[in-house]
Amino acid sequence: MGAIKLKRSTSASQPFYFTVVAGNGQTLVTSETYTSKQGAVNGMESLYNAMQGTVQYDDLT
């Protein structure tokens, strides 16, 4: 199962971002950076809510 993970960057001015990771460990999405932890959490929640019931993918292998 995949996950949305909150992370810290090395940037002092925008230290927070998040990634979407597939069940196999592959990073699918990396967000922009945020100035506050709450901003990153809001972005995570927005993405999660937008994805509900609409997730699809094309297997190009």
Protein backbone atom coordinates (compact mmCIF):
# COMPACT_ATOMS: atom_id res chain seq x y z
CA MET A 1 0.00 0.00 0.00
CA GLY A 2 1.26 3.49 -0.82
CA ALA A 3 1.71 6.43 1.50
CA ILE A 4 2.01 10.20 1.63
CA LYS A 5 5.09 11.10 3.68
CA LEU A 6 6.01 14.44 5.25
CA LYS A 7 9.71 15.25 4.94
CA ARG A 8 12.21 17.99 5.81
CA SER A 9 14.41 19.59 3.19
CA THR A 10 17.80 21.20 3.70
CA SER A 11 16.36 24.63 2.87
CA ALA A 12 16.15 26.95 5.88
CA SER A 13 13.47 29.13 4.27
CA GLN A 14 11.19 26.32 3.05
CA PRO A 15 12.01 23.25 5.12
CA PHE A 16 8.96 21.05 4.50
CA TYR A 17 7.70 18.97 1.58
CA PHE A 18 5.92 15.66 1.03
CA THR A 19 6.21 12.67 -1.24
CA VAL A 20 3.74 10.08 -2.49
CA VAL A 21 5.31 6.64 -2.37
CA ALA A 22 3.91 3.52 -4.06
CA GLY A 23 3.61 0.18 -2.30
CA ASN A 24 6.82 -0.97 -3.98
CA GLY A 25 8.75 1.98 -2.50
CA GLN A 26 8.93 4.02 -5.71
CA THR A 27 8.45 7.78 -5.25
CA LEU A 28 5.58 8.87 -7.50
CA VAL A 29 5.21 12.53 -6.54
CA THR A 30 7.41 15.10 -4.81
CA SER A 31 5.65 18.29 -3.74
CA GLU A 32 6.84 21.85 -3.82
CA THR A 33 8.52 23.06 -0.64
CA TYR A 34 6.57 24.84 2.10
CA THR A 35 7.55 27.47 4.66
CA SER A 36 5.56 25.80 7.44
CA LYS A 37 4.78 22.28 8.52
CA GLN A 38 1.06 23.12 8.53
CA GLY A 39 1.30 24.30 4.92
CA ALA A 40 2.79 20.96 3.90
CA VAL A 41 0.14 19.06 5.88
CA ASN A 42 -2.58 21.12 4.17
CA GLY A 43 -1.05 20.22 0.79
CA MET A 44 -0.99 16.54 1.75
CA GLU A 45 -4.64 16.65 2.82
CA SER A 46 -5.64 18.48 -0.36
CA LEU A 47 -3.93 15.88 -2.55
CA TYR A 48 -5.40 13.00 -0.53
CA ASN A 49 -8.93 14.43 -0.80
CA ALA A 50 -8.56 15.09 -4.54
CA MET A 51 -7.43 11.50 -5.14
CA GLN A 52 -10.35 9.80 -3.40
CA GLY A 53 -12.03 7.44 -5.86
CA THR A 54 -10.23 8.89 -8.87
CA VAL A 55 -6.88 7.16 -8.78
CA GLN A 56 -5.99 5.49 -12.04
CA TYR A 57 -2.79 4.69 -13.81
CA ASP A 58 -1.50 3.50 -17.14
CA ASP A 59 0.93 0.60 -17.09
CA LEU A 60 3.37 1.49 -19.85
CA THR A 61 5.65 -1.50 -19.37
